[in-house]
Amino acid sequence: MVSLSAVQASNSRIATTFGPGSVAVFVGATSGIGETSLKQFARHSQAPRIYFIGRSQEAGDRITGELEALNKEGTYVFVKADVSLVKVVDNVCRGIKSKEKAINLLFLTQGSLHFHTETAEGLHTVASLNFYSRNRFIVNLLPLIQQASGLRRVITIFAGTYEGPIYENDFQAREVPMMKARGHMVSMITLFLEAVAKKAPNVTFIHGYPGAVEGGLLRDPRGVAMYVMKVAWKVVGPFITISTLECGERHAFLATSSKYPAREGGDAGVPLDDGIAIAQGTDGEVGSGVYSVDQFGENAGPKVTAILSRFREEGMVEKVWNHTEEEFKRITGTVAAL
């Protein structure tokens, strides 16, 4: 476990390690986990330029003011968008690409627990936000991330280290039992990161689990099961949650620490303190560029490593990649926005 004090010590050196002008994109950043992660990265950075995307203009305006109070040297651009739609993701990315030549950090937290609903593009809503939308941002912005000097990272926050069986005949998890859906989606996310990493070995990819944090996913429950979960959370939540501040600090650490290097180097990070080791990648090798990490920043254990190894042997990385490209082509006609 990386202690909170070690996390804070590392974060205190972010500004001096990277200098001014880091460019970051935070998606799903107007509440909960995304908001606290955005704020801690902004607070510790030197004159950052940050784009953050969400659905609420009111929340965007509020957070912009709070970011300016945290770090007046930064530039903060809110983009109002419903990123459950892949075509909207493309529009957002085109706007960012028209203004930037390089991006240091892409941080993704958009999500939904709306089972049994569908987007206008024919995607299961849960899968659209947690998987397709996030991955569309990745493939669209990856060329700019590869152009960055120093820090080059993609972080998606869902439930890393909880990889489970994949239902190959139902990638969108339309009929996957709710109790099995998390493991299915977690594995899909991790395997997609592995596929992208093959094309960008100079970029770090992290699938993180935030722990028990009041993240906002249950603020608008639909269906009996979701209401039951919301009630149960109110009862047990206070006993198991970590603070949103700690969550944000730990995510700033994921975004900047040398503990998580790219496979082929070039992804600079805050130097490690004594006693903190480079993380083991999803392939079981130390420092291999793709990481599935728990709420304390440590890599998944041998059980998950074995599951992912079996998926690779079965060609599942390629199957997930090909399926995702097929859906992107069906919806937009291209594998990535131009």
C-alpha atoms as a PDB file:
ATOM      1  CA  MET A   1       0.000   0.000   0.000  1.00  0.00           C
ATOM      2  CA  VAL A   2       1.208   3.488  -0.845  1.00  0.00           C
ATOM      3  CA  SER A   3       0.543   5.497   2.298  1.00  0.00           C
ATOM      4  CA  LEU A   4      -1.376   8.743   2.098  1.00  0.00           C
ATOM      5  CA  SER A   5       1.638  10.601   3.506  1.00  0.00           C
ATOM      6  CA  ALA A   6       3.819   9.207   0.702  1.00  0.00           C
ATOM      7  CA  VAL A   7       1.183  10.224  -1.839  1.00  0.00           C
ATOM      8  CA  GLN A   8       1.084  13.749  -0.467  1.00  0.00           C
ATOM      9  CA  ALA A   9       4.883  14.023  -0.402  1.00  0.00           C
ATOM     10  CA  SER A  10       5.021  12.973  -4.061  1.00  0.00           C
ATOM     11  CA  ASN A  11       2.233  15.350  -5.050  1.00  0.00           C
ATOM     12  CA  SER A  12       4.048  18.251  -3.401  1.00  0.00           C
ATOM     13  CA  ARG A  13       6.770  17.847  -6.060  1.00  0.00           C
ATOM     14  CA  ILE A  14       4.499  17.797  -9.108  1.00  0.00           C
ATOM     15  CA  ALA A  15       4.975  21.487  -9.923  1.00  0.00           C
ATOM     16  CA  THR A  16       8.770  21.389  -9.699  1.00  0.00           C
ATOM     17  CA  THR A  17       9.026  18.087 -11.586  1.00  0.00           C
ATOM     18  CA  PHE A  18       6.998  19.100 -14.619  1.00  0.00           C
ATOM     19  CA  GLY A  19       7.223  22.876 -14.661  1.00  0.00           C
ATOM     20  CA  PRO A  20       4.551  25.135 -16.145  1.00  0.00           C
ATOM     21  CA  GLY A  21       2.075  24.370 -18.883  1.00  0.00           C
ATOM     22  CA  SER A  22       0.937  20.770 -18.465  1.00  0.00           C
ATOM     23  CA  VAL A  23      -2.152  20.099 -20.589  1.00  0.00           C
ATOM     24  CA  ALA A  24      -4.825  17.794 -19.172  1.00  0.00           C
ATOM     25  CA  VAL A  25      -8.296  16.627 -20.195  1.00  0.00           C
ATOM     26  CA  PHE A  26     -10.723  15.434 -17.497  1.00  0.00           C
ATOM     27  CA  VAL A  27     -13.956  13.781 -18.642  1.00  0.00           C
ATOM     28  CA  GLY A  28     -16.868  13.332 -16.228  1.00  0.00           C
ATOM     29  CA  ALA A  29     -15.381  15.938 -13.920  1.00  0.00           C
ATOM     30  CA  THR A  30     -18.359  17.927 -12.620  1.00  0.00           C
ATOM     31  CA  SER A  31     -19.115  15.794  -9.576  1.00  0.00           C
ATOM     32  CA  GLY A  32     -17.746  13.149  -7.250  1.00  0.00           C
ATOM     33  CA  ILE A  33     -14.557  11.298  -8.137  1.00  0.00           C
ATOM     34  CA  GLY A  34     -13.882  13.224 -11.324  1.00  0.00           C
ATOM     35  CA  GLU A  35     -14.292  16.585  -9.636  1.00  0.00           C
ATOM     36  CA  THR A  36     -11.992  15.841  -6.712  1.00  0.00           C
ATOM     37  CA  SER A  37      -9.343  14.344  -9.018  1.00  0.00           C
ATOM     38  CA  LEU A  38      -9.463  17.400 -11.255  1.00  0.00           C
ATOM     39  CA  LYS A  39      -9.094  19.763  -8.324  1.00  0.00           C
ATOM     40  CA  GLN A  40      -6.120  17.990  -6.761  1.00  0.00           C
ATOM     41  CA  PHE A  41      -4.272  17.787 -10.070  1.00  0.00           C
ATOM     42  CA  ALA A  42      -4.922  21.487 -10.651  1.00  0.00           C
ATOM     43  CA  ARG A  43      -3.888  22.429  -7.123  1.00  0.00           C
ATOM     44  CA  HIS A  44      -0.520  20.701  -7.361  1.00  0.00           C
ATOM     45  CA  SER A  45       0.372  21.676 -10.940  1.00  0.00           C
ATOM     46  CA  GLN A  46       2.233  24.737 -12.150  1.00  0.00           C
ATOM     47  CA  ALA A  47       0.173  26.902 -14.500  1.00  0.00           C
ATOM     48  CA  PRO A  48      -1.752  23.956 -15.976  1.00  0.00           C
ATOM     49  CA  ARG A  49      -4.136  24.196 -18.910  1.00  0.00           C
ATOM     50  CA  ILE A  50      -7.082  21.937 -18.204  1.00  0.00           C
ATOM     51  CA  TYR A  51     -10.150  21.040 -20.234  1.00  0.00           C
ATOM     52  CA  PHE A  52     -12.932  19.432 -18.233  1.00  0.00           C
ATOM     53  CA  ILE A  53     -16.100  17.957 -19.668  1.00  0.00           C
ATOM     54  CA  GLY A  54     -19.517  17.420 -18.114  1.00  0.00           C
ATOM     55  CA  ARG A  55     -23.240  17.834 -18.676  1.00  0.00           C
ATOM     56  CA  SER A  56     -24.038  20.671 -16.249  1.00  0.00           C
ATOM     57  CA  GLN A  57     -23.140  24.244 -17.172  1.00  0.00           C
ATOM     58  CA  GLU A  58     -23.998  25.321 -13.620  1.00  0.00           C
ATOM     59  CA  ALA A  59     -21.532  22.795 -12.169  1.00  0.00           C
ATOM     60  CA  GLY A  60     -18.942  23.772 -14.767  1.00  0.00           C
ATOM     61  CA  ASP A  61     -19.178  27.438 -13.843  1.00  0.00           C
ATOM     62  CA  ARG A  62     -18.945  26.635 -10.132  1.00  0.00           C
ATOM     63  CA  ILE A  63     -15.920  24.381 -10.541  1.00  0.00           C
ATOM     64  CA  THR A  64     -14.168  26.892 -12.803  1.00  0.00           C
ATOM     65  CA  GLY A  65     -14.375  29.462 -10.017  1.00  0.00           C
ATOM     66  CA  GLU A  66     -13.139  26.962  -7.453  1.00  0.00           C
ATOM     67  CA  LEU A  67     -10.223  25.937  -9.666  1.00  0.00           C
ATOM     68  CA  GLU A  68      -9.204  29.567 -10.125  1.00  0.00           C
ATOM     69  CA  ALA A  69      -9.229  29.973  -6.353  1.00  0.00           C
ATOM     70  CA  LEU A  70      -7.102  26.839  -5.909  1.00  0.00           C
ATOM     71  CA  ASN A  71      -4.529  27.819  -8.537  1.00  0.00           C
ATOM     72  CA  LYS A  72      -4.892  31.233 -10.131  1.00  0.00           C
ATOM     73  CA  GLU A  73      -2.035  30.540 -12.556  1.00  0.00           C
ATOM     74  CA  GLY A  74      -3.994  27.836 -14.348  1.00  0.00           C
ATOM     75  CA  THR A  75      -6.281  28.047 -17.371  1.00  0.00           C
ATOM     76  CA  TYR A  76      -9.547  26.115 -17.081  1.00  0.00           C
ATOM     77  CA  VAL A  77     -11.902  25.428 -19.973  1.00  0.00           C
ATOM     78  CA  PHE A  78     -15.276  23.793 -19.320  1.00  0.00           C
ATOM     79  CA  VAL A  79     -16.922  21.930 -22.209  1.00  0.00           C
ATOM     80  CA  LYS A  80     -20.617  21.153 -21.800  1.00  0.00           C
ATOM     81  CA  ALA A  81     -21.397  17.854 -23.492  1.00  0.00           C
ATOM     82  CA  ASP A  82     -23.319  14.596 -23.146  1.00  0.00           C
ATOM     83  CA  VAL A  83     -20.492  12.157 -23.759  1.00  0.00           C
ATOM     84  CA  SER A  84     -22.733   9.099 -23.658  1.00  0.00           C
ATOM     85  CA  LEU A  85     -22.886   9.670 -27.431  1.00  0.00           C
ATOM     86  CA  VAL A  86     -19.826   8.724 -29.470  1.00  0.00           C
ATOM     87  CA  LYS A  87     -20.517  11.430 -32.053  1.00  0.00           C
ATOM     88  CA  VAL A  88     -20.534  14.032 -29.281  1.00  0.00           C
ATOM     89  CA  VAL A  89     -17.195  12.675 -28.060  1.00  0.00           C
ATOM     90  CA  ASP A  90     -15.853  13.250 -31.571  1.00  0.00           C
ATOM     91  CA  ASN A  91     -17.051  16.865 -31.543  1.00  0.00           C
ATOM     92  CA  VAL A  92     -15.441  17.507 -28.165  1.00  0.00           C
ATOM     93  CA  CYS A  93     -12.156  15.980 -29.310  1.00  0.00           C
ATOM     94  CA  ARG A  94     -12.127  18.015 -32.520  1.00  0.00           C
ATOM     95  CA  GLY A  95     -12.499  21.162 -30.450  1.00  0.00           C
ATOM     96  CA  ILE A  96      -9.592  20.236 -28.189  1.00  0.00           C
ATOM     97  CA  LYS A  97      -7.401  19.157 -31.118  1.00  0.00           C
ATOM     98  CA  SER A  98      -8.012  22.493 -32.827  1.00  0.00           C
ATOM     99  CA  LYS A  99      -6.429  24.254 -29.834  1.00  0.00           C
ATOM    100  CA  GLU A 100      -3.702  21.865 -28.658  1.00  0.00           C
ATOM    101  CA  LYS A 101      -0.763  20.114 -30.273  1.00  0.00           C
ATOM    102  CA  ALA A 102       0.012  17.876 -27.276  1.00  0.00           C
ATOM    103  CA  ILE A 103      -1.783  16.518 -24.195  1.00  0.00           C
ATOM    104  CA  ASN A 104      -0.018  15.234 -21.088  1.00  0.00           C
ATOM    105  CA  LEU A 105      -2.925  13.609 -19.279  1.00  0.00           C
ATOM    106  CA  LEU A 106      -6.306  12.153 -20.228  1.00  0.00           C
ATOM    107  CA  PHE A 107      -8.351  11.313 -17.126  1.00  0.00           C
ATOM    108  CA  LEU A 108     -11.674   9.487 -17.598  1.00  0.00           C
ATOM    109  CA  THR A 109     -14.397   8.966 -14.990  1.00  0.00           C
ATOM    110  CA  GLN A 110     -17.704   9.252 -16.881  1.00  0.00           C
ATOM    111  CA  GLY A 111     -20.071   6.453 -15.985  1.00  0.00           C
ATOM    112  CA  SER A 112     -23.607   5.257 -15.381  1.00  0.00           C
ATOM    113  CA  LEU A 113     -25.542   2.577 -13.530  1.00  0.00           C
ATOM    114  CA  HIS A 114     -28.566   2.899 -15.834  1.00  0.00           C
ATOM    115  CA  PHE A 115     -29.096  -0.713 -16.814  1.00  0.00           C
ATOM    116  CA  HIS A 116     -31.689  -1.662 -19.440  1.00  0.00           C
ATOM    117  CA  THR A 117     -31.566   1.725 -21.190  1.00  0.00           C
ATOM    118  CA  GLU A 118     -30.087   2.533 -24.573  1.00  0.00           C
ATOM    119  CA  THR A 119     -28.496   5.596 -26.153  1.00  0.00           C
ATOM    120  CA  ALA A 120     -29.695   7.143 -29.388  1.00  0.00           C
ATOM    121  CA  GLU A 121     -26.733   5.453 -31.091  1.00  0.00           C
ATOM    122  CA  GLY A 122     -27.905   1.971 -30.141  1.00  0.00           C
ATOM    123  CA  LEU A 123     -25.469   1.321 -27.293  1.00  0.00           C
ATOM    124  CA  HIS A 124     -26.344  -0.011 -23.856  1.00  0.00           C
ATOM    125  CA  THR A 125     -26.077   3.115 -21.684  1.00  0.00           C
ATOM    126  CA  VAL A 126     -23.899   1.496 -19.011  1.00  0.00           C
ATOM    127  CA  ALA A 127     -21.476   0.230 -21.622  1.00  0.00           C
ATOM    128  CA  SER A 128     -21.593   3.433 -23.650  1.00  0.00           C
ATOM    129  CA  LEU A 129     -20.324   5.624 -20.820  1.00  0.00           C
ATOM    130  CA  ASN A 130     -18.051   3.188 -19.011  1.00  0.00           C
ATOM    131  CA  PHE A 131     -16.471   1.661 -22.110  1.00  0.00           C
ATOM    132  CA  TYR A 132     -17.181   3.080 -25.576  1.00  0.00           C
ATOM    133  CA  SER A 133     -17.178   6.770 -24.686  1.00  0.00           C
ATOM    134  CA  ARG A 134     -13.961   6.478 -22.705  1.00  0.00           C
ATOM    135  CA  ASN A 135     -12.240   4.499 -25.424  1.00  0.00           C
ATOM    136  CA  ARG A 136     -13.342   6.921 -28.111  1.00  0.00           C
ATOM    137  CA  PHE A 137     -11.636   9.722 -26.180  1.00  0.00           C
ATOM    138  CA  ILE A 138      -8.511   7.555 -25.967  1.00  0.00           C
ATOM    139  CA  VAL A 139      -8.239   6.715 -29.673  1.00  0.00           C
ATOM    140  CA  ASN A 140      -9.118  10.265 -30.708  1.00  0.00           C
ATOM    141  CA  LEU A 141      -6.631  12.009 -28.435  1.00  0.00           C
ATOM    142  CA  LEU A 142      -3.848   9.419 -28.397  1.00  0.00           C
ATOM    143  CA  PRO A 143      -1.839  11.105 -31.191  1.00  0.00           C
ATOM    144  CA  LEU A 144      -1.677  14.305 -29.116  1.00  0.00           C
ATOM    145  CA  ILE A 145      -0.724  12.370 -25.985  1.00  0.00           C
ATOM    146  CA  GLN A 146       2.124  10.718 -27.876  1.00  0.00           C
ATOM    147  CA  GLN A 147       3.350  14.157 -28.929  1.00  0.00           C
ATOM    148  CA  ALA A 148       3.686  15.408 -25.348  1.00  0.00           C
ATOM    149  CA  SER A 149       7.064  15.875 -23.730  1.00  0.00           C
ATOM    150  CA  GLY A 150       7.554  14.440 -20.256  1.00  0.00           C
ATOM    151  CA  LEU A 151       4.282  13.183 -18.851  1.00  0.00           C
ATOM    152  CA  ARG A 152       2.127  11.044 -21.179  1.00  0.00           C
ATOM    153  CA  ARG A 153      -0.714   9.223 -19.424  1.00  0.00           C
ATOM    154  CA  VAL A 154      -4.194   7.829 -19.876  1.00  0.00           C
ATOM    155  CA  ILE A 155      -6.126   7.004 -16.701  1.00  0.00           C
ATOM    156  CA  THR A 156      -9.578   5.455 -16.589  1.00  0.00           C
ATOM    157  CA  ILE A 157     -11.220   5.093 -13.182  1.00  0.00           C
ATOM    158  CA  PHE A 158     -13.699   2.264 -12.848  1.00  0.00           C
ATOM    159  CA  ALA A 159     -12.846  -0.885 -10.900  1.00  0.00           C
ATOM    160  CA  GLY A 160      -9.312  -1.948 -11.707  1.00  0.00           C
ATOM    161  CA  THR A 161      -8.167  -5.159  -9.907  1.00  0.00           C
ATOM    162  CA  TYR A 162     -11.712  -6.566 -10.111  1.00  0.00           C
ATOM    163  CA  GLU A 163     -11.347  -8.171 -13.540  1.00  0.00           C
ATOM    164  CA  GLY A 164     -13.655 -11.137 -14.106  1.00  0.00           C
ATOM    165  CA  PRO A 165     -15.136 -13.379 -16.801  1.00  0.00           C
ATOM    166  CA  ILE A 166     -16.063 -11.802 -20.133  1.00  0.00           C
ATOM    167  CA  TYR A 167     -19.345 -12.695 -21.828  1.00  0.00           C
ATOM    168  CA  GLU A 168     -18.060 -12.824 -25.396  1.00  0.00           C
ATOM    169  CA  ASN A 169     -21.533 -13.092 -26.896  1.00  0.00           C
ATOM    170  CA  ASP A 170     -22.687  -9.940 -25.082  1.00  0.00           C
ATOM    171  CA  PHE A 171     -19.865  -7.393 -25.016  1.00  0.00           C
ATOM    172  CA  GLN A 172     -22.324  -4.574 -24.200  1.00  0.00           C
ATOM    173  CA  ALA A 173     -23.569  -6.519 -21.142  1.00  0.00           C
ATOM    174  CA  ARG A 174     -27.205  -6.121 -22.089  1.00  0.00           C
ATOM    175  CA  GLU A 175     -28.152  -9.484 -20.598  1.00  0.00           C
ATOM    176  CA  VAL A 176     -25.207 -10.059 -18.258  1.00  0.00           C
ATOM    177  CA  PRO A 177     -26.459 -10.565 -14.670  1.00  0.00           C
ATOM    178  CA  MET A 178     -25.913  -7.419 -12.636  1.00  0.00           C
ATOM    179  CA  MET A 179     -23.614  -9.163 -10.149  1.00  0.00           C
ATOM    180  CA  LYS A 180     -21.415 -10.345 -13.031  1.00  0.00           C
ATOM    181  CA  ALA A 181     -21.498  -7.137 -15.042  1.00  0.00           C
ATOM    182  CA  ARG A 182     -18.738  -5.374 -13.102  1.00  0.00           C
ATOM    183  CA  GLY A 183     -16.116  -8.061 -13.659  1.00  0.00           C
ATOM    184  CA  HIS A 184     -17.097  -8.288 -17.318  1.00  0.00           C
ATOM    185  CA  MET A 185     -16.787  -4.539 -17.876  1.00  0.00           C
ATOM    186  CA  VAL A 186     -13.585  -4.235 -15.846  1.00  0.00           C
ATOM    187  CA  SER A 187     -11.881  -6.859 -17.999  1.00  0.00           C
ATOM    188  CA  MET A 188     -13.133  -5.196 -21.188  1.00  0.00           C
ATOM    189  CA  ILE A 189     -11.633  -1.873 -20.083  1.00  0.00           C
ATOM    190  CA  THR A 190      -8.277  -3.377 -19.089  1.00  0.00           C
ATOM    191  CA  LEU A 191      -7.937  -5.409 -22.284  1.00  0.00           C
ATOM    192  CA  PHE A 192      -8.725  -2.386 -24.427  1.00  0.00           C
ATOM    193  CA  LEU A 193      -5.943  -0.477 -22.660  1.00  0.00           C
ATOM    194  CA  GLU A 194      -3.589  -3.350 -23.440  1.00  0.00           C
ATOM    195  CA  ALA A 195      -4.588  -3.186 -27.100  1.00  0.00           C
ATOM    196  CA  VAL A 196      -3.981   0.564 -27.299  1.00  0.00           C
ATOM    197  CA  ALA A 197      -0.686   0.272 -25.428  1.00  0.00           C
ATOM    198  CA  LYS A 198       0.655  -1.943 -28.221  1.00  0.00           C
ATOM    199  CA  LYS A 199       0.234   1.035 -30.546  1.00  0.00           C
ATOM    200  CA  ALA A 200       1.608   3.583 -28.045  1.00  0.00           C
ATOM    201  CA  PRO A 201       4.325   1.976 -25.902  1.00  0.00           C
ATOM    202  CA  ASN A 202       5.612   5.404 -24.839  1.00  0.00           C
ATOM    203  CA  VAL A 203       2.350   6.163 -22.990  1.00  0.00           C
ATOM    204  CA  THR A 204       1.318   4.932 -19.533  1.00  0.00           C
ATOM    205  CA  PHE A 205      -2.179   3.421 -19.231  1.00  0.00           C
ATOM    206  CA  ILE A 206      -3.817   2.945 -15.820  1.00  0.00           C
ATOM    207  CA  HIS A 207      -7.144   1.352 -14.893  1.00  0.00           C
ATOM    208  CA  GLY A 208      -7.841   2.428 -11.334  1.00  0.00           C
ATOM    209  CA  TYR A 209     -10.300   1.545  -8.606  1.00  0.00           C
ATOM    210  CA  PRO A 210     -11.187   4.542  -6.404  1.00  0.00           C
ATOM    211  CA  GLY A 211     -12.407   2.576  -3.399  1.00  0.00           C
ATOM    212  CA  ALA A 212     -15.622   3.398  -1.590  1.00  0.00           C
ATOM    213  CA  VAL A 213     -16.147   7.077  -2.392  1.00  0.00           C
ATOM    214  CA  GLU A 214     -19.334   9.075  -2.727  1.00  0.00           C
ATOM    215  CA  GLY A 215     -18.973   9.375  -6.483  1.00  0.00           C
ATOM    216  CA  GLY A 216     -22.498  10.314  -7.534  1.00  0.00           C
ATOM    217  CA  LEU A 217     -23.404   7.229  -9.587  1.00  0.00           C
ATOM    218  CA  LEU A 218     -26.375   6.513  -7.304  1.00  0.00           C
ATOM    219  CA  ARG A 219     -27.714  10.052  -7.327  1.00  0.00           C
ATOM    220  CA  ASP A 220     -30.276   9.167 -10.021  1.00  0.00           C
ATOM    221  CA  PRO A 221     -31.158   5.488  -9.529  1.00  0.00           C
ATOM    222  CA  ARG A 222     -33.439   3.662 -11.931  1.00  0.00           C
ATOM    223  CA  GLY A 223     -35.136   0.393 -11.109  1.00  0.00           C
ATOM    224  CA  VAL A 224     -35.696  -1.461  -7.861  1.00  0.00           C
ATOM    225  CA  ALA A 225     -32.157  -2.855  -7.653  1.00  0.00           C
ATOM    226  CA  MET A 226     -30.626   0.612  -7.946  1.00  0.00           C
ATOM    227  CA  TYR A 227     -32.879   2.013  -5.209  1.00  0.00           C
ATOM    228  CA  VAL A 228     -31.923  -0.890  -2.958  1.00  0.00           C
ATOM    229  CA  MET A 229     -28.255  -0.153  -3.598  1.00  0.00           C
ATOM    230  CA  LYS A 230     -28.772   3.531  -2.794  1.00  0.00           C
ATOM    231  CA  VAL A 231     -30.482   2.727   0.506  1.00  0.00           C
ATOM    232  CA  ALA A 232     -27.803   0.181   1.417  1.00  0.00           C
ATOM    233  CA  TRP A 233     -25.083   2.701   0.597  1.00  0.00           C
ATOM    234  CA  LYS A 234     -26.589   5.251   2.988  1.00  0.00           C
ATOM    235  CA  VAL A 235     -26.395   2.668   5.768  1.00  0.00           C
ATOM    236  CA  VAL A 236     -22.920   1.194   5.216  1.00  0.00           C
ATOM    237  CA  GLY A 237     -21.241   3.994   3.296  1.00  0.00           C
ATOM    238  CA  PRO A 238     -20.138   6.078   6.296  1.00  0.00           C
ATOM    239  CA  PHE A 239     -18.242   3.067   7.694  1.00  0.00           C
ATOM    240  CA  ILE A 240     -16.251   2.134   4.583  1.00  0.00           C
ATOM    241  CA  THR A 241     -15.718   5.300   2.561  1.00  0.00           C
ATOM    242  CA  ILE A 242     -12.537   7.266   2.142  1.00  0.00           C
ATOM    243  CA  SER A 243     -12.740  11.034   1.878  1.00  0.00           C
ATOM    244  CA  THR A 244     -13.098  12.663  -1.514  1.00  0.00           C
ATOM    245  CA  LEU A 245      -9.944  14.643  -0.728  1.00  0.00           C
ATOM    246  CA  GLU A 246      -7.908  11.468  -0.219  1.00  0.00           C
ATOM    247  CA  CYS A 247      -9.369  10.020  -3.414  1.00  0.00           C
ATOM    248  CA  GLY A 248      -8.319  13.100  -5.348  1.00  0.00           C
ATOM    249  CA  GLU A 249      -4.812  13.072  -3.864  1.00  0.00           C
ATOM    250  CA  ARG A 250      -4.356   9.412  -4.772  1.00  0.00           C
ATOM    251  CA  HIS A 251      -5.490  10.030  -8.323  1.00  0.00           C
ATOM    252  CA  ALA A 252      -3.063  12.946  -8.684  1.00  0.00           C
ATOM    253  CA  PHE A 253      -0.383  10.449  -7.609  1.00  0.00           C
ATOM    254  CA  LEU A 254      -1.511   7.946 -10.261  1.00  0.00           C
ATOM    255  CA  ALA A 255      -1.328  10.727 -12.811  1.00  0.00           C
ATOM    256  CA  THR A 256       2.200  11.828 -11.990  1.00  0.00           C
ATOM    257  CA  SER A 257       4.290   9.284 -10.058  1.00  0.00           C
ATOM    258  CA  SER A 258       7.239   7.370 -11.548  1.00  0.00           C
ATOM    259  CA  LYS A 259       5.716   4.262  -9.982  1.00  0.00           C
ATOM    260  CA  TYR A 260       3.816   3.748 -13.254  1.00  0.00           C
ATOM    261  CA  PRO A 261       6.194   4.110 -16.223  1.00  0.00           C
ATOM    262  CA  ALA A 262       5.408   3.526 -19.882  1.00  0.00           C
ATOM    263  CA  ARG A 263       6.731   0.305 -21.401  1.00  0.00           C
ATOM    264  CA  GLU A 264       9.330   2.070 -23.526  1.00  0.00           C
ATOM    265  CA  GLY A 265      10.107   4.937 -21.189  1.00  0.00           C
ATOM    266  CA  GLY A 266       9.792   8.605 -21.976  1.00  0.00           C
ATOM    267  CA  ASP A 267       6.884   9.044 -19.562  1.00  0.00           C
ATOM    268  CA  ALA A 268       8.565  11.159 -16.914  1.00  0.00           C
ATOM    269  CA  GLY A 269       7.164  11.083 -13.413  1.00  0.00           C
ATOM    270  CA  VAL A 270       7.805  12.441  -9.943  1.00  0.00           C
ATOM    271  CA  PRO A 271      10.835  10.481  -8.625  1.00  0.00           C
ATOM    272  CA  LEU A 272      10.046   7.703  -6.163  1.00  0.00           C
ATOM    273  CA  ASP A 273      10.792   7.986  -2.476  1.00  0.00           C
ATOM    274  CA  ASP A 274      12.642   5.173  -0.721  1.00  0.00           C
ATOM    275  CA  GLY A 275      10.414   2.176  -0.093  1.00  0.00           C
ATOM    276  CA  ILE A 276       8.103   2.755  -3.077  1.00  0.00           C
ATOM    277  CA  ALA A 277       8.639   0.301  -5.922  1.00  0.00           C
ATOM    278  CA  ILE A 278       7.725   0.473  -9.591  1.00  0.00           C
ATOM    279  CA  ALA A 279       4.365  -1.185 -10.163  1.00  0.00           C
ATOM    280  CA  GLN A 280       3.803  -4.518 -11.840  1.00  0.00           C
ATOM    281  CA  GLY A 281       1.889  -4.300 -15.098  1.00  0.00           C
ATOM    282  CA  THR A 282      -1.133  -6.329 -16.096  1.00  0.00           C
ATOM    283  CA  ASP A 283       1.149  -8.824 -17.840  1.00  0.00           C
ATOM    284  CA  GLY A 284       2.981  -9.582 -14.580  1.00  0.00           C
ATOM    285  CA  GLU A 285       6.109  -7.672 -15.599  1.00  0.00           C
ATOM    286  CA  VAL A 286       7.404  -4.725 -13.579  1.00  0.00           C
ATOM    287  CA  GLY A 287       7.020  -1.397 -15.360  1.00  0.00           C
ATOM    288  CA  SER A 288       5.350  -2.814 -18.463  1.00  0.00           C
ATOM    289  CA  GLY A 289       3.124   0.182 -19.164  1.00  0.00           C
ATOM    290  CA  VAL A 290      -0.457  -0.975 -18.449  1.00  0.00           C
ATOM    291  CA  TYR A 291      -1.555  -1.118 -14.818  1.00  0.00           C
ATOM    292  CA  SER A 292      -4.675  -2.326 -13.015  1.00  0.00           C
ATOM    293  CA  VAL A 293      -4.471  -0.778  -9.556  1.00  0.00           C
ATOM    294  CA  ASP A 294      -6.508  -0.708  -6.373  1.00  0.00           C
ATOM    295  CA  GLN A 295      -7.558   2.242  -4.235  1.00  0.00           C
ATOM    296  CA  PHE A 296      -4.114   2.362  -2.619  1.00  0.00           C
ATOM    297  CA  GLY A 297      -2.199   2.444  -5.888  1.00  0.00           C
ATOM    298  CA  GLU A 298      -1.015  -1.177  -5.841  1.00  0.00           C
ATOM    299  CA  ASN A 299      -1.257  -3.585  -8.767  1.00  0.00           C
ATOM    300  CA  ALA A 300      -3.706  -6.454  -9.058  1.00  0.00           C
ATOM    301  CA  GLY A 301      -2.730  -9.778  -7.505  1.00  0.00           C
ATOM    302  CA  PRO A 302      -1.848 -13.115  -9.111  1.00  0.00           C
ATOM    303  CA  LYS A 303      -5.475 -14.170  -9.575  1.00  0.00           C
ATOM    304  CA  VAL A 304      -6.165 -11.225 -11.860  1.00  0.00           C
ATOM    305  CA  THR A 305      -2.831 -11.661 -13.620  1.00  0.00           C
ATOM    306  CA  ALA A 306      -3.818 -15.263 -14.392  1.00  0.00           C
ATOM    307  CA  ILE A 307      -7.251 -14.232 -15.687  1.00  0.00           C
ATOM    308  CA  LEU A 308      -5.736 -11.642 -18.017  1.00  0.00           C
ATOM    309  CA  SER A 309      -3.087 -14.100 -19.188  1.00  0.00           C
ATOM    310  CA  ARG A 310      -5.804 -16.572 -20.160  1.00  0.00           C
ATOM    311  CA  PHE A 311      -7.665 -13.856 -22.054  1.00  0.00           C
ATOM    312  CA  ARG A 312      -4.525 -13.069 -24.061  1.00  0.00           C
ATOM    313  CA  GLU A 313      -4.056 -16.728 -24.924  1.00  0.00           C
ATOM    314  CA  GLU A 314      -7.655 -16.836 -26.148  1.00  0.00           C
ATOM    315  CA  GLY A 315      -7.116 -13.776 -28.363  1.00  0.00           C
ATOM    316  CA  MET A 316      -9.525 -11.713 -26.293  1.00  0.00           C
ATOM    317  CA  VAL A 317      -7.441  -8.518 -26.534  1.00  0.00           C
ATOM    318  CA  GLU A 318      -7.872  -8.570 -30.296  1.00  0.00           C
ATOM    319  CA  LYS A 319     -11.549  -9.523 -30.029  1.00  0.00           C
ATOM    320  CA  VAL A 320     -12.298  -6.588 -27.714  1.00  0.00           C
ATOM    321  CA  TRP A 321     -10.354  -4.199 -29.960  1.00  0.00           C
ATOM    322  CA  ASN A 322     -12.065  -5.421 -33.139  1.00  0.00           C
ATOM    323  CA  HIS A 323     -15.514  -5.279 -31.563  1.00  0.00           C
ATOM    324  CA  THR A 324     -14.921  -1.718 -30.390  1.00  0.00           C
ATOM    325  CA  GLU A 325     -13.720  -0.590 -33.813  1.00  0.00           C
ATOM    326  CA  GLU A 326     -16.781  -2.194 -35.408  1.00  0.00           C
ATOM    327  CA  GLU A 327     -19.092  -0.216 -33.141  1.00  0.00           C
ATOM    328  CA  PHE A 328     -17.193   3.011 -33.811  1.00  0.00           C
ATOM    329  CA  LYS A 329     -17.454   2.428 -37.558  1.00  0.00           C
ATOM    330  CA  ARG A 330     -21.154   1.592 -37.300  1.00  0.00           C
ATOM    331  CA  ILE A 331     -21.878   4.815 -35.427  1.00  0.00           C
ATOM    332  CA  THR A 332     -19.489   7.293 -37.071  1.00  0.00           C
ATOM    333  CA  GLY A 333     -18.024   5.617 -40.144  1.00  0.00           C
ATOM    334  CA  THR A 334     -14.464   5.926 -38.826  1.00  0.00           C
ATOM    335  CA  VAL A 335     -12.318   4.219 -36.179  1.00  0.00           C
ATOM    336  CA  ALA A 336     -11.281   7.641 -34.803  1.00  0.00           C
ATOM    337  CA  ALA A 337     -12.318  11.246 -35.346  1.00  0.00           C
ATOM    338  CA  LEU A 338     -10.145  13.167 -37.803  1.00  0.00           C
END
